Amino acid sequence: MKQRIITLFCICLLLFLLVHPEEALLSAKDGMSLWLNVMIPTLLPFLILTGILLKTGNIPQLLEPLAPFWKHFFGISPAGAYVLILGFLCGYPMGAKLAHDLYINHQISQREGEYLLTFSCNASPAFIFSYLSQNILEGKIPPHSLLLILLSADFVCMLFFRFLVYRGNTVSSVKPEYRKKETYQQDSTGVILDVSIMSGFETITRLGGYILIFSLLFTGFYHYWPFCSQNKILLTSPIELTTGLHQIAQSAFSWKIKYITSMTLTAFGGFCVMFQTKSVLEEKLSILPYIFAKCLNASLVFLFLVLSNII
């Protein structure tokens, strides 16, 4: 059944490419422009450098002095704190990538890795300050206010999963035999650099492929959607985050609706980011905690904004 759906999906996209080559070309150019001009220069250096840090095995030692703070405030280990910090600074899907890498390197448990997926995978401050605040919302809301709202919802989401879902048991001990540092071929600097660089390029190329496919998918849905344009925008914008936000900004909605829908979509992340996250997890960690958390996070942001406007 799953293979049939994938086959049908590919046939539909191929037909769209053949019937509407101009629209498909523009969509592909937009997707590749996003990948080339935004993702590669901003995310690839972090992928390579964090890969090097992971292979040295010294990450927990860097954050160990604040171990009581990480455990009592967030319910995570020092290694998990590394995921939280880099996930916050780099944005989607860096938190998931680091959680996966630390888990397969036996520095965090599966339980902690899946718990981290519920609150360490969000839009980066750079994305919020530049694209969301200035391009989409035209600077009408201070960027720090946008960040505060998104972080507040994320914090409530973290508390929900920590105490109601995981019942406070979020840091499981790693088995002693897995605590040993993983050794690479000769453990030399050159090998570590080579492996980290190739791993970084492999990940960024995979993410670029998802952006390309979902850009085409967005354009196809948008072209054939039979209902009114406003419903079309609301139902297609979650497919790909940046394109969806652009469509909301160009719509005929009132500014208040644009504000609420843009913030809700940013908190959700979109289906393209969801598939990117699933890709970097490589089925080592379950994607379900991430999906549930993103739905809850978006609902909380929507609720916060609606209540603030009513009050």
Protein backbone atom coordinates (compact mmCIF):
# COMPACT_ATOMS: atom_id res chain seq x y z
CA MET A 1 0.00 0.00 0.00
CA LYS A 2 2.76 2.41 0.95
CA GLN A 3 4.66 1.71 -2.27
CA ARG A 4 1.51 2.27 -4.32
CA ILE A 5 1.01 5.67 -2.73
CA ILE A 6 4.61 6.62 -3.46
CA THR A 7 4.25 5.41 -7.08
CA LEU A 8 1.04 7.42 -7.55
CA PHE A 9 2.68 10.47 -5.98
CA CYS A 10 5.67 10.26 -8.34
CA ILE A 11 3.45 9.78 -11.40
CA CYS A 12 1.39 12.86 -10.46
CA LEU A 13 4.52 14.99 -10.06
CA LEU A 14 5.90 13.73 -13.38
CA LEU A 15 2.65 14.62 -15.13
CA PHE A 16 2.74 18.07 -13.58
CA LEU A 17 6.30 18.54 -14.84
CA LEU A 18 5.24 17.54 -18.36
CA VAL A 19 1.96 19.49 -18.51
CA HIS A 20 3.15 22.67 -16.78
CA PRO A 21 6.90 22.88 -17.42
CA GLU A 22 7.14 26.65 -16.86
CA GLU A 23 5.49 26.56 -13.43
CA ALA A 24 7.52 23.51 -12.48
CA LEU A 25 10.74 25.20 -13.55
CA LEU A 26 10.00 28.33 -11.50
CA SER A 27 9.07 26.18 -8.49
CA ALA A 28 12.25 24.13 -8.79
CA LYS A 29 14.33 27.31 -9.11
CA ASP A 30 12.74 28.77 -5.97
CA GLY A 31 13.38 25.56 -4.02
CA MET A 32 16.99 25.28 -5.16
CA SER A 33 17.56 28.98 -4.51
CA LEU A 34 16.42 28.47 -0.92
CA TRP A 35 18.75 25.49 -0.60
CA LEU A 36 21.76 27.13 -2.27
CA ASN A 37 21.51 30.64 -0.81
CA VAL A 38 20.11 29.91 2.65
CA MET A 39 20.54 26.32 3.80
CA ILE A 40 24.06 25.61 2.54
CA PRO A 41 25.77 28.75 3.92
CA THR A 42 23.86 28.75 7.21
CA LEU A 43 23.43 25.05 8.05
CA LEU A 44 26.33 23.22 6.39
CA PRO A 45 29.11 24.80 8.53
CA PHE A 46 27.21 23.78 11.67
CA LEU A 47 26.75 20.24 10.34
CA ILE A 48 30.47 19.86 9.70
CA LEU A 49 31.66 21.50 12.93
CA THR A 50 29.18 19.69 15.16
CA GLY A 51 30.16 16.45 13.44
CA ILE A 52 33.78 17.08 14.41
CA LEU A 53 32.78 17.84 18.01
CA LEU A 54 30.70 14.67 18.20
CA LYS A 55 33.57 12.53 16.97
CA THR A 56 35.97 13.94 19.56
CA GLY A 57 33.60 12.69 22.27
CA ASN A 58 34.13 15.76 24.47
CA ILE A 59 30.67 17.38 24.27
CA PRO A 60 29.37 16.23 27.69
CA GLN A 61 32.55 17.54 29.36
CA LEU A 62 31.96 21.01 27.90
CA LEU A 63 28.53 21.30 29.53
CA GLU A 64 29.13 19.12 32.61
CA PRO A 65 29.64 22.05 35.04
CA LEU A 66 25.98 23.04 34.56
CA ALA A 67 24.66 19.47 34.78
CA PRO A 68 22.33 20.18 37.78
CA PHE A 69 20.75 23.09 35.90
CA TRP A 70 20.10 21.06 32.75
CA LYS A 71 18.65 18.16 34.75
CA HIS A 72 16.36 20.13 37.09
CA PHE A 73 15.19 22.83 34.66
CA PHE A 74 14.90 20.84 31.41
CA GLY A 75 15.20 17.22 32.51
CA ILE A 76 18.15 16.53 30.20
CA SER A 77 21.80 15.51 30.46
CA PRO A 78 24.76 17.75 29.52
CA ALA A 79 24.90 16.01 26.13
CA GLY A 80 21.18 16.70 25.70
CA ALA A 81 21.85 20.35 26.51
CA TYR A 82 24.13 20.47 23.50
CA VAL A 83 21.19 19.39 21.33
CA LEU A 84 18.98 22.05 22.92
CA ILE A 85 21.47 24.90 22.43
CA LEU A 86 22.46 24.08 18.85
CA GLY A 87 18.87 23.25 17.93
CA PHE A 88 17.80 26.68 19.18
CA LEU A 89 20.57 28.56 17.37
CA CYS A 90 20.47 26.67 14.04
CA GLY A 91 16.78 25.89 13.67
CA TYR A 92 15.14 23.08 11.69
CA PRO A 93 16.23 20.25 11.52
CA MET A 94 19.48 20.65 13.47
CA GLY A 95 18.05 19.59 16.83
CA ALA A 96 16.79 16.30 15.39
CA LYS A 97 20.08 15.67 13.59
CA LEU A 98 22.10 16.15 16.78
CA ALA A 99 19.71 14.03 18.85
CA HIS A 100 20.14 11.23 16.30
CA ASP A 101 23.95 11.58 16.23
CA LEU A 102 24.32 11.61 20.00
CA TYR A 103 22.04 8.60 20.32
CA ILE A 104 23.94 6.45 17.80
CA ASN A 105 27.20 7.55 19.49
CA HIS A 106 25.74 6.29 22.81
CA GLN A 107 25.96 9.67 24.56
CA ILE A 108 22.21 9.91 25.23
CA SER A 109 19.53 7.26 25.57
CA GLN A 110 16.72 6.65 23.11
CA ARG A 111 14.22 8.01 25.64
CA GLU A 112 16.13 11.26 26.08
CA GLY A 113 16.63 11.59 22.32
CA GLU A 114 12.91 11.29 21.61
CA TYR A 115 12.12 13.64 24.50
CA LEU A 116 14.51 16.22 23.01
CA LEU A 117 12.59 16.05 19.72
CA THR A 118 9.56 17.55 21.46
CA PHE A 119 11.12 20.94 22.20
CA SER A 120 14.57 21.33 20.59
CA CYS A 121 13.40 21.47 16.94
CA ASN A 122 12.17 24.96 16.08
CA ALA A 123 12.73 27.86 13.70
CA SER A 124 16.02 29.64 14.39
CA PRO A 125 16.16 33.18 15.84
CA ALA A 126 17.78 34.34 12.57
CA PHE A 127 14.77 33.05 10.60
CA ILE A 128 12.34 34.69 13.03
CA PHE A 129 14.14 38.03 13.16
CA SER A 130 14.81 38.38 9.45
CA TYR A 131 12.33 36.44 7.34
CA LEU A 132 9.29 36.17 9.62
CA SER A 133 9.51 39.57 11.32
CA GLN A 134 10.77 41.78 8.50
CA ASN A 135 9.67 40.07 5.26
CA ILE A 136 6.39 38.48 6.29
CA LEU A 137 5.08 40.71 9.10
CA GLU A 138 6.70 43.91 7.75
CA GLY A 139 8.33 44.79 11.06
CA LYS A 140 5.00 45.61 12.73
CA ILE A 141 5.74 43.35 15.70
CA PRO A 142 9.11 43.53 17.51
CA PRO A 143 11.09 40.37 16.68
CA HIS A 144 11.87 39.68 20.33
CA SER A 145 8.10 39.54 21.01
CA LEU A 146 7.68 36.93 18.28
CA LEU A 147 10.54 34.89 19.71
CA LEU A 148 9.12 35.15 23.23
CA ILE A 149 5.71 33.85 22.12
CA LEU A 150 7.24 30.91 20.25
CA LEU A 151 9.59 30.05 23.12
CA SER A 152 6.77 30.28 25.68
CA ALA A 153 4.70 27.78 23.72
CA ASP A 154 7.75 25.56 23.34
CA PHE A 155 8.41 25.69 27.08
CA VAL A 156 4.81 24.71 27.90
CA CYS A 157 5.14 21.89 25.36
CA MET A 158 8.33 20.72 27.09
CA LEU A 159 6.60 20.69 30.49
CA PHE A 160 3.66 18.72 29.06
CA PHE A 161 5.86 15.98 27.65
CA ARG A 162 8.26 15.95 30.58
CA PHE A 163 5.69 15.53 33.36
CA LEU A 164 2.57 14.12 31.68
CA VAL A 165 3.96 11.92 28.92
CA TYR A 166 7.36 10.85 30.29
CA ARG A 167 6.32 11.40 33.94
CA GLY A 168 9.64 13.00 34.89
CA ASN A 169 11.69 10.03 33.65
CA THR A 170 13.36 11.74 30.69
CA VAL A 171 17.02 10.87 31.27
CA SER A 172 17.68 7.14 31.12
CA SER A 173 21.18 5.99 31.88
CA VAL A 174 23.29 4.75 28.98
CA LYS A 175 24.66 1.26 29.45
CA PRO A 176 28.27 1.24 30.69
CA GLU A 177 29.58 -0.69 27.69
CA TYR A 178 28.17 2.07 25.44
CA ARG A 179 29.92 4.87 27.25
CA LYS A 180 33.21 4.07 25.62
CA LYS A 181 34.36 6.58 23.08
CA GLU A 182 33.74 5.39 19.53
CA THR A 183 37.03 5.05 17.73
CA TYR A 184 37.43 5.83 14.05
CA GLN A 185 40.07 4.59 11.68
CA GLN A 186 43.37 5.57 13.30
CA ASP A 187 41.35 8.27 15.13
CA SER A 188 43.41 10.84 13.22
CA THR A 189 42.50 14.48 12.64
CA GLY A 190 42.38 13.95 8.89
CA VAL A 191 39.95 11.04 9.16
CA ILE A 192 37.70 12.96 11.55
CA LEU A 193 37.62 15.96 9.20
CA ASP A 194 36.95 13.83 6.13
CA VAL A 195 34.13 11.88 7.75
CA SER A 196 32.55 15.05 9.18
CA ILE A 197 32.70 16.92 5.87
CA MET A 198 31.25 14.04 3.86
CA SER A 199 28.52 13.48 6.45
CA GLY A 200 27.65 17.20 6.38
CA PHE A 201 27.38 17.25 2.58
CA GLU A 202 25.33 14.05 2.57
CA THR A 203 22.83 15.54 5.03
CA ILE A 204 22.57 18.92 3.29
CA THR A 205 22.09 17.24 -0.11
CA ARG A 206 19.31 15.07 1.30
CA LEU A 207 17.58 18.14 2.74
CA GLY A 208 17.89 19.90 -0.62
CA GLY A 209 16.13 16.99 -2.30
CA TYR A 210 13.20 17.30 0.11
CA ILE A 211 12.98 21.05 -0.50
CA LEU A 212 12.88 20.46 -4.28
CA ILE A 213 10.17 17.79 -4.10
CA PHE A 214 7.98 19.75 -1.69
CA SER A 215 8.36 22.95 -3.70
CA LEU A 216 6.99 21.09 -6.74
CA LEU A 217 4.29 19.52 -4.58
CA PHE A 218 3.25 22.94 -3.25
CA THR A 219 3.00 24.40 -6.75
CA GLY A 220 1.00 21.39 -7.99
CA PHE A 221 -1.51 21.59 -5.15
CA TYR A 222 -1.77 25.35 -5.49
CA HIS A 223 -2.41 25.10 -9.25
CA TYR A 224 -5.12 22.44 -9.11
CA TRP A 225 -6.87 23.36 -5.86
CA PRO A 226 -10.55 23.79 -6.89
CA PHE A 227 -11.80 26.02 -4.10
CA CYS A 228 -11.45 29.74 -3.33
CA SER A 229 -7.99 31.29 -3.08
CA GLN A 230 -8.15 31.94 0.67
CA ASN A 231 -8.94 28.30 1.46
CA LYS A 232 -6.23 27.34 -1.01
CA ILE A 233 -3.63 29.37 0.89
CA LEU A 234 -4.62 28.05 4.32
CA LEU A 235 -4.59 24.42 3.21
CA THR A 236 -1.45 24.48 1.06
CA SER A 237 0.79 26.75 3.16
CA PRO A 238 1.74 23.96 5.65
CA ILE A 239 3.36 21.98 2.81
CA GLU A 240 6.56 24.07 2.82
CA LEU A 241 7.34 26.67 5.49
CA THR A 242 9.01 29.54 3.63
CA THR A 243 6.77 29.27 0.55
CA GLY A 244 3.69 29.01 2.75
CA LEU A 245 4.65 32.10 4.73
CA HIS A 246 5.22 34.01 1.48
CA GLN A 247 1.75 33.03 0.21
CA ILE A 248 0.16 34.17 3.47
CA ALA A 249 1.98 37.52 3.27
CA GLN A 250 0.78 38.05 -0.33
CA SER A 251 -2.83 37.07 0.44
CA ALA A 252 -5.88 39.30 0.90
CA PHE A 253 -6.26 38.34 4.56
CA SER A 254 -6.38 41.05 7.20
CA TRP A 255 -3.10 41.77 8.91
CA LYS A 256 -4.31 40.15 12.15
CA ILE A 257 -5.11 36.87 10.37
CA LYS A 258 -1.75 37.00 8.58
CA TYR A 259 -0.04 37.45 11.94
CA ILE A 260 -1.82 34.55 13.63
CA THR A 261 -1.50 32.12 10.71
CA SER A 262 2.17 32.99 10.09
CA MET A 263 3.10 32.42 13.72
CA THR A 264 1.10 29.19 13.90
CA LEU A 265 2.74 27.88 10.72
CA THR A 266 6.21 28.81 12.01
CA ALA A 267 5.55 26.88 15.22
CA PHE A 268 4.31 23.86 13.23
CA GLY A 269 7.22 23.94 10.76
CA GLY A 270 5.42 22.43 7.77
CA PHE A 271 5.37 18.97 6.22
CA CYS A 272 8.63 19.49 4.34
CA VAL A 273 10.49 20.08 7.62
CA MET A 274 8.69 17.07 9.09
CA PHE A 275 10.01 14.83 6.31
CA GLN A 276 13.48 16.39 6.64
CA THR A 277 13.38 15.55 10.35
CA LYS A 278 12.32 11.98 9.63
CA SER A 279 15.18 11.74 7.14
CA VAL A 280 17.90 12.82 9.57
CA LEU A 281 16.52 10.49 12.28
CA GLU A 282 17.09 7.51 9.94
CA GLU A 283 14.49 5.50 11.89
CA LYS A 284 16.84 5.28 14.87
CA LEU A 285 14.51 7.55 16.86
CA SER A 286 10.74 7.67 16.48
CA ILE A 287 9.29 10.65 14.61
CA LEU A 288 6.00 10.44 16.56
CA PRO A 289 7.07 12.58 19.57
CA TYR A 290 8.16 15.30 17.12
CA ILE A 291 4.84 15.21 15.23
CA PHE A 292 2.73 15.34 18.39
CA ALA A 293 4.89 18.13 19.81
CA LYS A 294 4.65 20.26 16.65
CA CYS A 295 0.85 19.93 16.62
CA LEU A 296 0.69 20.89 20.30
CA ASN A 297 3.18 23.73 19.82
CA ALA A 298 1.22 25.22 16.92
CA SER A 299 -2.04 24.90 18.86
CA LEU A 300 -0.53 26.70 21.86
CA VAL A 301 0.79 29.57 19.70
CA PHE A 302 -2.61 29.90 18.03
CA LEU A 303 -4.34 29.90 21.43
CA PHE A 304 -1.92 32.47 22.90
CA LEU A 305 -2.44 34.86 19.98
CA VAL A 306 -6.22 34.49 19.85
CA LEU A 307 -6.56 35.02 23.62
CA SER A 308 -4.21 38.03 23.56
CA ASN A 309 -6.33 39.66 20.84
CA ILE A 310 -9.58 38.92 22.71
CA ILE A 311 -8.20 40.32 25.97
